[in-house]
């Protein structure tokens, strides 16, 4: 059974192609590809983020509070209505990320968020998480807001499965056609040749990794995919308004 509750620290780094290849190749001494990447160079992750009409969740997140939360739907690859996907609440408290998710079929997940009525329980669902999401839905009037997809390469530490490093590229987003089953088209969020690396660990990172990050002069960033998409959307909206004003 897939893990459905996570508690970990996540640190993010933006890399160019040269930095990615150098760092990735050195990591292979200590880490190995996860099962998805043993079959394919990358695997695709697709997400649908929910928010209020006035973007309450992402606006609160960008204010950098001690506590923040979001709700998203996640699939591996492009799902259809009967594909099992994950509906998950992601919280961050004083830097610690807590993620709680349940498997649902895509159509069940759509209906659950749209109506607030929990689906008929099936053996692939996590009942406790469904109850938590049901409560979350009573607190916010949510609607689908942003589609985000990307190609991922992931590694696990050979002697400590709690340490995971992911590399995401080709990040695409859209605020239209918000159906996950409609494919991975959208606007690029990163410049060509850019990678987002995330170091995910339940505790402190090992000495060898800290040393490697220092040697490669890699510094943490607060990059959030949804957050950066929202800021980009605001910037584009402002530019369009100014263009219309002076046209």
C-alpha atoms as a PDB file:
ATOM      1  CA  UNK A   1       0.000   0.000   0.000  1.00  0.00           C
ATOM      2  CA  UNK A   2       1.287   3.469  -0.850  1.00  0.00           C
ATOM      3  CA  UNK A   3       2.219   5.698   2.073  1.00  0.00           C
ATOM      4  CA  UNK A   4      -0.660   8.082   2.772  1.00  0.00           C
ATOM      5  CA  UNK A   5       0.705  10.186   5.646  1.00  0.00           C
ATOM      6  CA  UNK A   6       4.022  12.056   5.436  1.00  0.00           C
ATOM      7  CA  UNK A   7       5.885  14.232   7.921  1.00  0.00           C
ATOM      8  CA  UNK A   8       9.125  15.667   6.593  1.00  0.00           C
ATOM      9  CA  UNK A   9      11.234  18.727   5.870  1.00  0.00           C
ATOM     10  CA  UNK A  10      11.529  19.869   2.262  1.00  0.00           C
ATOM     11  CA  UNK A  11      14.283  22.145   0.957  1.00  0.00           C
ATOM     12  CA  UNK A  12      14.226  23.458  -2.610  1.00  0.00           C
ATOM     13  CA  UNK A  13      16.948  24.509  -5.041  1.00  0.00           C
ATOM     14  CA  UNK A  14      16.813  25.920  -8.583  1.00  0.00           C
ATOM     15  CA  UNK A  15      19.433  24.493 -10.960  1.00  0.00           C
ATOM     16  CA  UNK A  16      20.475  24.995 -14.552  1.00  0.00           C
ATOM     17  CA  UNK A  17      21.317  22.048 -16.817  1.00  0.00           C
ATOM     18  CA  UNK A  18      25.026  22.040 -16.005  1.00  0.00           C
ATOM     19  CA  UNK A  19      24.459  22.105 -12.241  1.00  0.00           C
ATOM     20  CA  UNK A  20      21.796  19.394 -12.521  1.00  0.00           C
ATOM     21  CA  UNK A  21      23.950  16.916 -14.446  1.00  0.00           C
ATOM     22  CA  UNK A  22      26.991  17.394 -12.218  1.00  0.00           C
ATOM     23  CA  UNK A  23      25.025  17.052  -8.996  1.00  0.00           C
ATOM     24  CA  UNK A  24      22.822  14.193 -10.199  1.00  0.00           C
ATOM     25  CA  UNK A  25      25.758  12.081 -11.356  1.00  0.00           C
ATOM     26  CA  UNK A  26      27.530  12.550  -8.029  1.00  0.00           C
ATOM     27  CA  UNK A  27      24.368  11.607  -6.115  1.00  0.00           C
ATOM     28  CA  UNK A  28      24.321   8.159  -7.727  1.00  0.00           C
ATOM     29  CA  UNK A  29      27.168   7.118  -5.424  1.00  0.00           C
ATOM     30  CA  UNK A  30      24.766   7.348  -2.470  1.00  0.00           C
ATOM     31  CA  UNK A  31      21.305   7.151  -4.016  1.00  0.00           C
ATOM     32  CA  UNK A  32      19.314   5.046  -6.469  1.00  0.00           C
ATOM     33  CA  UNK A  33      16.421   5.757  -8.799  1.00  0.00           C
ATOM     34  CA  UNK A  34      12.936   5.037  -7.525  1.00  0.00           C
ATOM     35  CA  UNK A  35      10.858   2.330  -9.187  1.00  0.00           C
ATOM     36  CA  UNK A  36       9.131   4.695 -11.640  1.00  0.00           C
ATOM     37  CA  UNK A  37      12.458   5.962 -12.998  1.00  0.00           C
ATOM     38  CA  UNK A  38      13.924   2.484 -13.331  1.00  0.00           C
ATOM     39  CA  UNK A  39      11.404   2.009 -16.142  1.00  0.00           C
ATOM     40  CA  UNK A  40      11.415   5.513 -17.662  1.00  0.00           C
ATOM     41  CA  UNK A  41      13.826   8.449 -17.611  1.00  0.00           C
ATOM     42  CA  UNK A  42      11.037  10.648 -16.234  1.00  0.00           C
ATOM     43  CA  UNK A  43       7.527  10.163 -14.986  1.00  0.00           C
ATOM     44  CA  UNK A  44       4.759  12.709 -15.288  1.00  0.00           C
ATOM     45  CA  UNK A  45       2.953  14.184 -12.275  1.00  0.00           C
ATOM     46  CA  UNK A  46      -0.281  16.088 -12.794  1.00  0.00           C
ATOM     47  CA  UNK A  47      -1.979  18.222 -10.145  1.00  0.00           C
ATOM     48  CA  UNK A  48      -5.178  20.183  -9.762  1.00  0.00           C
ATOM     49  CA  UNK A  49      -5.078  22.833  -7.027  1.00  0.00           C
ATOM     50  CA  UNK A  50      -8.243  24.008  -5.327  1.00  0.00           C
ATOM     51  CA  UNK A  51      -8.768  27.448  -3.823  1.00  0.00           C
ATOM     52  CA  UNK A  52     -11.505  29.941  -3.030  1.00  0.00           C
ATOM     53  CA  UNK A  53     -12.888  32.434  -5.524  1.00  0.00           C
ATOM     54  CA  UNK A  54     -10.523  35.065  -4.127  1.00  0.00           C
ATOM     55  CA  UNK A  55      -7.493  32.744  -3.818  1.00  0.00           C
ATOM     56  CA  UNK A  56      -7.503  32.670  -0.014  1.00  0.00           C
ATOM     57  CA  UNK A  57      -5.225  29.645   0.372  1.00  0.00           C
ATOM     58  CA  UNK A  58      -2.415  30.732  -1.935  1.00  0.00           C
ATOM     59  CA  UNK A  59      -2.530  34.353  -0.770  1.00  0.00           C
ATOM     60  CA  UNK A  60      -2.189  33.172   2.810  1.00  0.00           C
ATOM     61  CA  UNK A  61       0.663  30.851   1.834  1.00  0.00           C
ATOM     62  CA  UNK A  62       2.601  33.651   0.118  1.00  0.00           C
ATOM     63  CA  UNK A  63       2.321  35.777   3.264  1.00  0.00           C
ATOM     64  CA  UNK A  64       4.707  33.205   4.829  1.00  0.00           C
ATOM     65  CA  UNK A  65       2.722  32.401   7.977  1.00  0.00           C
ATOM     66  CA  UNK A  66       3.888  29.827  10.527  1.00  0.00           C
ATOM     67  CA  UNK A  67       1.007  27.595   9.398  1.00  0.00           C
ATOM     68  CA  UNK A  68      -0.382  27.133   5.901  1.00  0.00           C
ATOM     69  CA  UNK A  69      -2.460  24.541   4.090  1.00  0.00           C
ATOM     70  CA  UNK A  70      -3.680  23.590   0.629  1.00  0.00           C
ATOM     71  CA  UNK A  71      -5.815  20.962  -1.088  1.00  0.00           C
ATOM     72  CA  UNK A  72      -4.808  19.331  -4.334  1.00  0.00           C
ATOM     73  CA  UNK A  73      -5.607  16.381  -6.538  1.00  0.00           C
ATOM     74  CA  UNK A  74      -2.613  14.422  -7.825  1.00  0.00           C
ATOM     75  CA  UNK A  75      -2.179  11.768 -10.493  1.00  0.00           C
ATOM     76  CA  UNK A  76       0.792   9.979 -11.991  1.00  0.00           C
ATOM     77  CA  UNK A  77       0.450  10.412 -15.719  1.00  0.00           C
ATOM     78  CA  UNK A  78      -2.759  11.548 -17.419  1.00  0.00           C
ATOM     79  CA  UNK A  79      -5.735   9.908 -15.672  1.00  0.00           C
ATOM     80  CA  UNK A  80      -9.164   8.938 -16.945  1.00  0.00           C
ATOM     81  CA  UNK A  81     -12.384   8.980 -14.947  1.00  0.00           C
ATOM     82  CA  UNK A  82     -11.719   5.544 -13.418  1.00  0.00           C
ATOM     83  CA  UNK A  83      -8.028   6.065 -12.658  1.00  0.00           C
ATOM     84  CA  UNK A  84      -7.073   6.022  -8.990  1.00  0.00           C
ATOM     85  CA  UNK A  85      -5.654   9.405  -8.004  1.00  0.00           C
ATOM     86  CA  UNK A  86      -4.736  11.046  -4.697  1.00  0.00           C
ATOM     87  CA  UNK A  87      -6.739  13.771  -3.004  1.00  0.00           C
ATOM     88  CA  UNK A  88      -4.471  15.330  -0.413  1.00  0.00           C
ATOM     89  CA  UNK A  89      -4.207  18.022   2.205  1.00  0.00           C
ATOM     90  CA  UNK A  90      -0.746  19.504   2.486  1.00  0.00           C
ATOM     91  CA  UNK A  91       0.109  21.522   5.587  1.00  0.00           C
ATOM     92  CA  UNK A  92       3.276  23.258   6.671  1.00  0.00           C
ATOM     93  CA  UNK A  93       3.880  24.123  10.317  1.00  0.00           C
ATOM     94  CA  UNK A  94       7.125  25.861  11.328  1.00  0.00           C
ATOM     95  CA  UNK A  95       8.855  24.345   8.296  1.00  0.00           C
ATOM     96  CA  UNK A  96       7.609  20.772   8.822  1.00  0.00           C
ATOM     97  CA  UNK A  97       5.515  19.481   5.928  1.00  0.00           C
ATOM     98  CA  UNK A  98       2.583  17.208   6.742  1.00  0.00           C
ATOM     99  CA  UNK A  99       0.820  15.538   3.834  1.00  0.00           C
ATOM    100  CA  UNK A 100      -2.293  13.397   4.257  1.00  0.00           C
ATOM    101  CA  UNK A 101      -3.873  11.756   1.245  1.00  0.00           C
ATOM    102  CA  UNK A 102      -6.388   9.158   0.171  1.00  0.00           C
ATOM    103  CA  UNK A 103      -6.832   7.202  -3.028  1.00  0.00           C
ATOM    104  CA  UNK A 104     -10.006   7.907  -4.965  1.00  0.00           C
ATOM    105  CA  UNK A 105     -11.100   7.385  -8.526  1.00  0.00           C
ATOM    106  CA  UNK A 106     -10.888  10.627 -10.474  1.00  0.00           C
ATOM    107  CA  UNK A 107     -14.658  11.011 -10.797  1.00  0.00           C
ATOM    108  CA  UNK A 108     -15.083  10.332  -7.050  1.00  0.00           C
ATOM    109  CA  UNK A 109     -12.540  13.025  -6.216  1.00  0.00           C
ATOM    110  CA  UNK A 110     -14.188  15.586  -8.506  1.00  0.00           C
ATOM    111  CA  UNK A 111     -17.598  14.901  -6.943  1.00  0.00           C
ATOM    112  CA  UNK A 112     -16.286  14.931  -3.367  1.00  0.00           C
ATOM    113  CA  UNK A 113     -14.749  18.395  -3.651  1.00  0.00           C
ATOM    114  CA  UNK A 114     -17.634  19.813  -5.682  1.00  0.00           C
ATOM    115  CA  UNK A 115     -20.371  18.636  -3.288  1.00  0.00           C
ATOM    116  CA  UNK A 116     -18.613  18.156   0.042  1.00  0.00           C
ATOM    117  CA  UNK A 117     -20.306  14.752   0.285  1.00  0.00           C
ATOM    118  CA  UNK A 118     -17.915  11.910   1.001  1.00  0.00           C
ATOM    119  CA  UNK A 119     -17.910   9.034  -1.496  1.00  0.00           C
ATOM    120  CA  UNK A 120     -19.185   5.581  -0.647  1.00  0.00           C
ATOM    121  CA  UNK A 121     -16.301   3.945   1.192  1.00  0.00           C
ATOM    122  CA  UNK A 122     -14.128   1.491  -0.777  1.00  0.00           C
ATOM    123  CA  UNK A 123     -11.179  -0.566   0.407  1.00  0.00           C
ATOM    124  CA  UNK A 124      -8.653   1.637  -1.443  1.00  0.00           C
ATOM    125  CA  UNK A 125      -9.717   4.749   0.487  1.00  0.00           C
ATOM    126  CA  UNK A 126      -8.335   6.130   3.753  1.00  0.00           C
ATOM    127  CA  UNK A 127     -11.410   6.819   5.889  1.00  0.00           C
ATOM    128  CA  UNK A 128      -9.610   9.050   8.396  1.00  0.00           C
ATOM    129  CA  UNK A 129      -8.185  11.282   5.662  1.00  0.00           C
ATOM    130  CA  UNK A 130     -11.574  11.471   3.944  1.00  0.00           C
ATOM    131  CA  UNK A 131     -13.077  12.777   7.193  1.00  0.00           C
ATOM    132  CA  UNK A 132     -10.301  15.383   7.453  1.00  0.00           C
ATOM    133  CA  UNK A 133     -10.864  16.520   3.869  1.00  0.00           C
ATOM    134  CA  UNK A 134     -14.618  16.651   4.478  1.00  0.00           C
ATOM    135  CA  UNK A 135     -13.998  19.019   7.399  1.00  0.00           C
ATOM    136  CA  UNK A 136     -11.562  21.070   5.284  1.00  0.00           C
ATOM    137  CA  UNK A 137     -14.301  21.500   2.680  1.00  0.00           C
ATOM    138  CA  UNK A 138     -16.666  22.945   5.305  1.00  0.00           C
ATOM    139  CA  UNK A 139     -14.115  25.661   6.092  1.00  0.00           C
ATOM    140  CA  UNK A 140     -13.521  26.868   2.542  1.00  0.00           C
ATOM    141  CA  UNK A 141     -15.761  27.209  -0.502  1.00  0.00           C
ATOM    142  CA  UNK A 142     -13.330  25.649  -2.961  1.00  0.00           C
ATOM    143  CA  UNK A 143     -13.192  25.430  -6.725  1.00  0.00           C
ATOM    144  CA  UNK A 144     -10.567  24.118  -9.159  1.00  0.00           C
ATOM    145  CA  UNK A 145      -8.108  26.927  -9.831  1.00  0.00           C
ATOM    146  CA  UNK A 146      -4.845  25.773 -11.362  1.00  0.00           C
ATOM    147  CA  UNK A 147      -3.583  22.761 -13.276  1.00  0.00           C
ATOM    148  CA  UNK A 148       0.133  22.021 -12.834  1.00  0.00           C
ATOM    149  CA  UNK A 149       2.161  19.209 -14.376  1.00  0.00           C
ATOM    150  CA  UNK A 150       5.840  18.364 -14.600  1.00  0.00           C
ATOM    151  CA  UNK A 151       8.331  15.647 -15.436  1.00  0.00           C
ATOM    152  CA  UNK A 152      10.103  14.126 -12.443  1.00  0.00           C
ATOM    153  CA  UNK A 153      13.203  12.112 -11.720  1.00  0.00           C
ATOM    154  CA  UNK A 154      13.398  10.811  -8.141  1.00  0.00           C
ATOM    155  CA  UNK A 155      16.060   9.104  -6.052  1.00  0.00           C
ATOM    156  CA  UNK A 156      16.134   7.382  -2.655  1.00  0.00           C
ATOM    157  CA  UNK A 157      19.150   7.067  -0.391  1.00  0.00           C
ATOM    158  CA  UNK A 158      20.553   3.526  -0.599  1.00  0.00           C
ATOM    159  CA  UNK A 159      20.808   3.086   3.174  1.00  0.00           C
ATOM    160  CA  UNK A 160      18.045   5.442   4.358  1.00  0.00           C
ATOM    161  CA  UNK A 161      14.691   5.389   2.565  1.00  0.00           C
ATOM    162  CA  UNK A 162      13.562   8.440   4.534  1.00  0.00           C
ATOM    163  CA  UNK A 163      15.857  10.604   2.393  1.00  0.00           C
ATOM    164  CA  UNK A 164      14.505  11.397  -1.053  1.00  0.00           C
ATOM    165  CA  UNK A 165      15.621  13.865  -3.724  1.00  0.00           C
ATOM    166  CA  UNK A 166      13.482  14.823  -6.707  1.00  0.00           C
ATOM    167  CA  UNK A 167      14.263  16.785  -9.861  1.00  0.00           C
ATOM    168  CA  UNK A 168      11.331  18.436 -11.665  1.00  0.00           C
ATOM    169  CA  UNK A 169      11.493  20.021 -15.093  1.00  0.00           C
ATOM    170  CA  UNK A 170       9.131  21.051 -17.889  1.00  0.00           C
ATOM    171  CA  UNK A 171       6.695  22.522 -15.338  1.00  0.00           C
ATOM    172  CA  UNK A 172       3.490  23.604 -17.101  1.00  0.00           C
ATOM    173  CA  UNK A 173       0.414  25.382 -15.770  1.00  0.00           C
ATOM    174  CA  UNK A 174      -2.989  26.540 -16.943  1.00  0.00           C
ATOM    175  CA  UNK A 175      -6.034  28.279 -15.472  1.00  0.00           C
ATOM    176  CA  UNK A 176      -8.409  27.054 -18.165  1.00  0.00           C
ATOM    177  CA  UNK A 177      -9.557  23.574 -19.206  1.00  0.00           C
ATOM    178  CA  UNK A 178      -9.218  22.390 -15.595  1.00  0.00           C
ATOM    179  CA  UNK A 179      -9.736  18.701 -16.230  1.00  0.00           C
ATOM    180  CA  UNK A 180      -6.824  16.429 -15.436  1.00  0.00           C
ATOM    181  CA  UNK A 181      -7.904  13.925 -18.079  1.00  0.00           C
ATOM    182  CA  UNK A 182      -7.413  16.543 -20.815  1.00  0.00           C
ATOM    183  CA  UNK A 183      -3.637  16.213 -20.860  1.00  0.00           C
ATOM    184  CA  UNK A 184      -0.471  18.057 -19.906  1.00  0.00           C
ATOM    185  CA  UNK A 185      -0.643  21.208 -22.049  1.00  0.00           C
ATOM    186  CA  UNK A 186      -0.052  24.597 -20.461  1.00  0.00           C
ATOM    187  CA  UNK A 187       2.294  27.551 -20.114  1.00  0.00           C
ATOM    188  CA  UNK A 188       5.900  26.930 -18.961  1.00  0.00           C
ATOM    189  CA  UNK A 189       6.671  28.052 -15.424  1.00  0.00           C
ATOM    190  CA  UNK A 190      10.472  27.719 -15.589  1.00  0.00           C
ATOM    191  CA  UNK A 191      12.965  28.928 -18.155  1.00  0.00           C
ATOM    192  CA  UNK A 192      14.210  26.268 -20.613  1.00  0.00           C
ATOM    193  CA  UNK A 193      16.941  24.179 -19.015  1.00  0.00           C
ATOM    194  CA  UNK A 194      15.897  24.941 -15.438  1.00  0.00           C
ATOM    195  CA  UNK A 195      15.294  22.280 -12.795  1.00  0.00           C
ATOM    196  CA  UNK A 196      13.642  22.374  -9.396  1.00  0.00           C
ATOM    197  CA  UNK A 197      15.403  20.081  -6.943  1.00  0.00           C
ATOM    198  CA  UNK A 198      13.739  19.127  -3.659  1.00  0.00           C
ATOM    199  CA  UNK A 199      15.533  17.447  -0.767  1.00  0.00           C
ATOM    200  CA  UNK A 200      12.986  15.628   1.401  1.00  0.00           C
ATOM    201  CA  UNK A 201      13.989  14.205   4.773  1.00  0.00           C
ATOM    202  CA  UNK A 202      12.242  13.285   8.011  1.00  0.00           C
ATOM    203  CA  UNK A 203      15.177  14.586  10.027  1.00  0.00           C
ATOM    204  CA  UNK A 204      18.459  16.344   9.314  1.00  0.00           C
ATOM    205  CA  UNK A 205      20.233  15.530   6.080  1.00  0.00           C
ATOM    206  CA  UNK A 206      23.371  13.348   6.217  1.00  0.00           C
ATOM    207  CA  UNK A 207      26.833  14.891   6.379  1.00  0.00           C
ATOM    208  CA  UNK A 208      27.781  13.680   2.900  1.00  0.00           C
ATOM    209  CA  UNK A 209      24.799  15.516   1.373  1.00  0.00           C
ATOM    210  CA  UNK A 210      25.430  18.733   3.309  1.00  0.00           C
ATOM    211  CA  UNK A 211      29.039  18.629   2.123  1.00  0.00           C
ATOM    212  CA  UNK A 212      27.986  18.000  -1.475  1.00  0.00           C
ATOM    213  CA  UNK A 213      25.514  20.905  -1.452  1.00  0.00           C
ATOM    214  CA  UNK A 214      28.249  23.168  -0.115  1.00  0.00           C
ATOM    215  CA  UNK A 215      30.809  22.005  -2.680  1.00  0.00           C
ATOM    216  CA  UNK A 216      28.360  22.702  -5.516  1.00  0.00           C
ATOM    217  CA  UNK A 217      27.444  26.083  -3.993  1.00  0.00           C
ATOM    218  CA  UNK A 218      23.752  25.253  -3.885  1.00  0.00           C
ATOM    219  CA  UNK A 219      21.540  27.525  -1.828  1.00  0.00           C
ATOM    220  CA  UNK A 220      17.964  26.987  -0.731  1.00  0.00           C
ATOM    221  CA  UNK A 221      15.096  28.889  -2.313  1.00  0.00           C
ATOM    222  CA  UNK A 222      11.465  29.258  -1.254  1.00  0.00           C
ATOM    223  CA  UNK A 223      10.158  28.340  -4.715  1.00  0.00           C
ATOM    224  CA  UNK A 224       6.543  27.101  -4.690  1.00  0.00           C
ATOM    225  CA  UNK A 225       5.038  25.858  -7.949  1.00  0.00           C
ATOM    226  CA  UNK A 226       1.529  27.071  -7.151  1.00  0.00           C
ATOM    227  CA  UNK A 227       2.857  30.231  -5.500  1.00  0.00           C
ATOM    228  CA  UNK A 228       5.045  31.155  -8.458  1.00  0.00           C
ATOM    229  CA  UNK A 229       2.237  30.420 -10.889  1.00  0.00           C
ATOM    230  CA  UNK A 230      -0.031  32.755  -8.914  1.00  0.00           C
ATOM    231  CA  UNK A 231       2.575  35.535  -8.882  1.00  0.00           C
ATOM    232  CA  UNK A 232       3.130  35.085 -12.606  1.00  0.00           C
ATOM    233  CA  UNK A 233      -0.632  35.290 -13.200  1.00  0.00           C
ATOM    234  CA  UNK A 234      -0.846  38.538 -11.214  1.00  0.00           C
ATOM    235  CA  UNK A 235       2.081  40.008 -13.141  1.00  0.00           C
ATOM    236  CA  UNK A 236       0.543  39.072 -16.494  1.00  0.00           C
ATOM    237  CA  UNK A 237      -2.826  40.520 -15.449  1.00  0.00           C
ATOM    238  CA  UNK A 238      -1.160  43.791 -14.461  1.00  0.00           C
ATOM    239  CA  UNK A 239       0.705  43.958 -17.779  1.00  0.00           C
ATOM    240  CA  UNK A 240      -2.511  43.329 -19.711  1.00  0.00           C
ATOM    241  CA  UNK A 241      -4.330  46.079 -17.788  1.00  0.00           C
ATOM    242  CA  UNK A 242      -1.517  48.548 -18.434  1.00  0.00           C
ATOM    243  CA  UNK A 243      -1.424  47.640 -22.121  1.00  0.00           C
ATOM    244  CA  UNK A 244      -5.169  48.202 -22.393  1.00  0.00           C
ATOM    245  CA  UNK A 245      -4.876  51.509 -20.523  1.00  0.00           C
ATOM    246  CA  UNK A 246      -2.255  52.912 -22.884  1.00  0.00           C
ATOM    247  CA  UNK A 247      -3.532  51.334 -26.090  1.00  0.00           C
END
